[in-house]
Protein backbone atom coordinates (compact mmCIF):
# COMPACT_ATOMS: atom_id res chain seq x y z
CA UNK A 1 -0.04 0.03 0.02
CA UNK A 2 1.23 3.56 -0.76
CA UNK A 3 0.28 6.86 0.72
CA UNK A 4 1.32 10.09 -0.88
CA UNK A 5 3.60 8.14 -3.20
CA UNK A 6 5.52 6.45 -0.39
CA UNK A 7 5.22 2.73 0.17
CA UNK A 8 3.94 1.97 3.59
CA UNK A 9 5.65 -0.63 5.81
CA UNK A 10 4.57 -4.16 4.99
CA UNK A 11 1.83 -6.15 6.73
CA UNK A 12 3.35 -9.62 6.72
CA UNK A 13 1.53 -12.72 5.51
CA UNK A 14 1.79 -16.09 7.20
CA UNK A 15 4.28 -17.23 4.52
CA UNK A 16 6.57 -14.31 5.40
CA UNK A 17 7.00 -14.95 9.07
CA UNK A 18 8.93 -17.63 11.01
CA UNK A 19 7.46 -20.36 13.15
CA UNK A 20 7.62 -18.31 16.43
CA UNK A 21 5.77 -15.40 14.91
CA UNK A 22 3.22 -17.77 13.47
CA UNK A 23 2.75 -19.14 16.99
CA UNK A 24 2.20 -15.58 18.20
CA UNK A 25 -0.29 -14.94 15.39
CA UNK A 26 -2.18 -18.08 16.52
CA UNK A 27 -2.19 -16.90 20.18
CA UNK A 28 -3.73 -13.46 19.14
CA UNK A 29 -6.23 -15.20 16.88
CA UNK A 30 -7.25 -17.62 19.69
CA UNK A 31 -7.79 -14.66 22.17
CA UNK A 32 -9.51 -12.26 19.70
CA UNK A 33 -11.12 -14.59 17.17
CA UNK A 34 -9.19 -13.09 14.50
CA UNK A 35 -5.75 -11.72 13.61
CA UNK A 36 -6.12 -7.85 13.28
CA UNK A 37 -4.20 -6.28 10.40
CA UNK A 38 -2.08 -4.19 12.83
CA UNK A 39 -0.37 -7.32 14.27
CA UNK A 40 0.81 -8.23 10.77
CA UNK A 41 2.57 -4.94 10.64
CA UNK A 42 4.02 -5.24 14.19
CA UNK A 43 5.39 -8.61 13.24
CA UNK A 44 8.10 -6.79 11.24
CA UNK A 45 9.93 -6.86 14.55
CA UNK A 46 9.30 -10.25 16.30
CA UNK A 47 10.92 -8.90 19.45
CA UNK A 48 8.66 -5.93 19.60
CA UNK A 49 5.62 -7.95 18.74
CA UNK A 50 6.38 -10.44 21.53
CA UNK A 51 7.08 -7.61 24.00
CA UNK A 52 3.88 -5.84 23.18
CA UNK A 53 1.90 -9.04 23.64
CA UNK A 54 3.51 -9.46 27.06
CA UNK A 55 2.70 -5.87 28.09
CA UNK A 56 -0.87 -6.08 26.69
CA UNK A 57 -1.28 -9.34 28.59
CA UNK A 58 -0.07 -7.85 31.77
CA UNK A 59 -2.67 -5.13 31.57
CA UNK A 60 -5.43 -7.83 31.86
CA UNK A 61 -4.18 -8.51 35.36
CA UNK A 62 -3.78 -5.00 36.70
CA UNK A 63 -5.49 -3.76 39.89
CA UNK A 64 -7.30 -1.01 37.90
CA UNK A 65 -9.02 -3.79 35.92
CA UNK A 66 -9.95 -4.28 32.28
CA UNK A 67 -12.74 -1.83 32.18
CA UNK A 68 -10.50 1.10 33.12
CA UNK A 69 -7.68 -0.29 30.77
CA UNK A 70 -10.14 -0.22 27.84
CA UNK A 71 -11.30 3.31 28.86
CA UNK A 72 -7.72 4.52 28.95
CA UNK A 73 -6.84 2.99 25.53
CA UNK A 74 -9.96 4.44 23.94
CA UNK A 75 -9.32 7.93 25.20
CA UNK A 76 -5.64 7.75 24.21
CA UNK A 77 -6.58 6.57 20.73
CA UNK A 78 -9.09 9.38 20.30
CA UNK A 79 -6.53 11.91 21.43
CA UNK A 80 -4.05 10.48 18.99
CA UNK A 81 -6.81 10.44 16.19
CA UNK A 82 -6.27 6.80 15.54
CA UNK A 83 -9.40 5.50 13.73
CA UNK A 84 -8.12 2.02 13.52
CA UNK A 85 -7.54 1.69 17.33
CA UNK A 86 -10.78 3.39 18.23
CA UNK A 87 -12.67 0.85 16.10
CA UNK A 88 -10.57 -2.04 17.39
CA UNK A 89 -10.92 -1.19 21.13
CA UNK A 90 -14.53 -0.28 20.82
CA UNK A 91 -15.27 -3.69 19.34
CA UNK A 92 -12.99 -5.53 21.75
CA UNK A 93 -14.55 -3.69 24.79
CA UNK A 94 -18.06 -4.62 23.48
CA UNK A 95 -17.16 -8.29 22.74
CA UNK A 96 -15.66 -8.66 26.25
CA UNK A 97 -18.56 -6.91 27.87
CA UNK A 98 -16.28 -4.42 29.63
CA UNK A 99 -17.90 -1.32 28.17
CA UNK A 100 -21.20 -0.45 26.52
CA UNK A 101 -21.39 1.39 23.26
CA UNK A 102 -22.31 4.55 25.30
CA UNK A 103 -19.44 4.11 27.81
CA UNK A 104 -17.04 3.46 24.69
CA UNK A 105 -18.23 6.63 22.95
CA UNK A 106 -18.09 8.70 26.08
CA UNK A 107 -14.57 7.39 27.01
CA UNK A 108 -13.42 8.77 23.64
CA UNK A 109 -14.97 12.19 24.50
CA UNK A 110 -13.27 12.11 27.96
CA UNK A 111 -16.55 11.46 29.89
CA UNK A 112 -16.49 8.80 32.52
CA UNK A 113 -19.18 6.53 33.80
CA UNK A 114 -18.62 7.57 37.41
CA UNK A 115 -16.45 9.84 39.52
CA UNK A 116 -13.45 7.49 39.54
CA UNK A 117 -13.40 6.84 35.78
CA UNK A 118 -13.73 10.58 35.19
CA UNK A 119 -10.55 11.17 37.30
CA UNK A 120 -8.74 8.45 35.23
CA UNK A 121 -9.81 10.07 31.95
CA UNK A 122 -8.90 13.51 33.01
CA UNK A 123 -5.49 12.18 34.03
CA UNK A 124 -5.09 10.28 30.65
CA UNK A 125 -5.96 13.53 28.79
CA UNK A 126 -3.28 15.35 30.83
CA UNK A 127 -0.65 12.63 30.30
CA UNK A 128 -1.22 12.62 26.57
CA UNK A 129 -1.56 16.46 26.15
CA UNK A 130 1.54 17.12 28.40
CA UNK A 131 3.55 14.12 27.11
CA UNK A 132 3.77 12.61 30.53
CA UNK A 133 4.79 15.82 32.43
CA UNK A 134 1.99 15.59 34.88
CA UNK A 135 3.37 16.27 38.38
CA UNK A 136 0.34 18.53 38.87
CA UNK A 137 -2.06 15.68 38.37
CA UNK A 138 -0.35 13.15 40.68
CA UNK A 139 -1.62 14.51 43.94
CA UNK A 140 -5.27 14.74 42.55
CA UNK A 141 -4.90 10.96 41.61
CA UNK A 142 -3.62 10.12 45.20
CA UNK A 143 -6.30 12.33 46.92
CA UNK A 144 -8.93 10.30 44.93
CA UNK A 145 -7.53 6.85 46.08
CA UNK A 146 -5.23 5.94 43.18
CA UNK A 147 -1.84 4.36 44.22
CA UNK A 148 1.47 4.90 42.41
CA UNK A 149 0.90 1.21 41.12
CA UNK A 150 -2.44 2.36 39.67
CA UNK A 151 -0.85 5.31 37.99
CA UNK A 152 1.90 3.15 36.43
CA UNK A 153 -0.86 0.69 35.22
CA UNK A 154 -2.73 3.63 33.61
CA UNK A 155 0.46 4.74 32.03
CA UNK A 156 0.97 1.24 30.74
CA UNK A 157 -2.38 1.33 29.02
CA UNK A 158 -1.52 4.77 27.53
CA UNK A 159 1.71 3.29 26.23
CA UNK A 160 -0.04 0.34 24.59
CA UNK A 161 -2.55 2.71 23.03
CA UNK A 162 0.06 5.18 21.91
CA UNK A 163 2.27 2.49 20.36
CA UNK A 164 -0.58 0.96 18.38
CA UNK A 165 -1.82 4.39 17.39
CA UNK A 166 1.47 5.45 16.07
CA UNK A 167 2.04 2.03 14.33
CA UNK A 168 -1.37 2.22 12.61
CA UNK A 169 -0.68 5.73 11.35
CA UNK A 170 2.85 4.79 10.20
CA UNK A 171 1.73 1.51 8.57
CA UNK A 172 -1.26 2.87 6.74
CA UNK A 173 -3.25 0.06 8.35
CA UNK A 174 -6.61 -0.67 6.80
CA UNK A 175 -9.44 -0.94 9.44
CA UNK A 176 -10.66 -4.48 9.93
CA UNK A 177 -13.24 -3.59 12.70
CA UNK A 178 -16.62 -2.02 12.30
CA UNK A 179 -17.10 1.69 11.98
CA UNK A 180 -17.79 3.68 15.13
CA UNK A 181 -19.68 6.98 15.20
CA UNK A 182 -17.45 10.06 15.21
CA UNK A 183 -16.95 11.80 18.59
CA UNK A 184 -18.13 15.06 17.12
CA UNK A 185 -20.54 14.80 14.10
CA UNK A 186 -18.95 15.98 10.87
């Protein structure tokens, strides 16, 4: 695929990857029911792909829980204008039953479903907007019951979101998840 006359990085086929990467593909497919296009792009670096899967898997076991993790990734993806990831994570949150359609759309807008989730979304917006320089937000998080561990977990979800957002942009990745409504009508 090309964009503006420049060939985008390759999305690898099963025939172009080694046995280990095929095994990783199978692991993703078993978990999601399909192998999203983005992972075929990420597989250009087997080590990064494997590391990403490890970090992403670790987020499933965090104290903040999968619902807040999805909320964080959706907000991050919206702030980074990543249509691919907004579609993917909306569908994954719906499939897992972790968020409703309304909660997914509101997360993208920066609107939480309760006070705790609102504080998290405000923190994520600050992290992304200020590129992580958020000393002013740390005390607010602590005052509202979030530990340092929780803030690191939130940053882990921002990192996963940002990595896939940037990779999707760089790789001209075609969406393979259903369309979602825009945050603000066009």
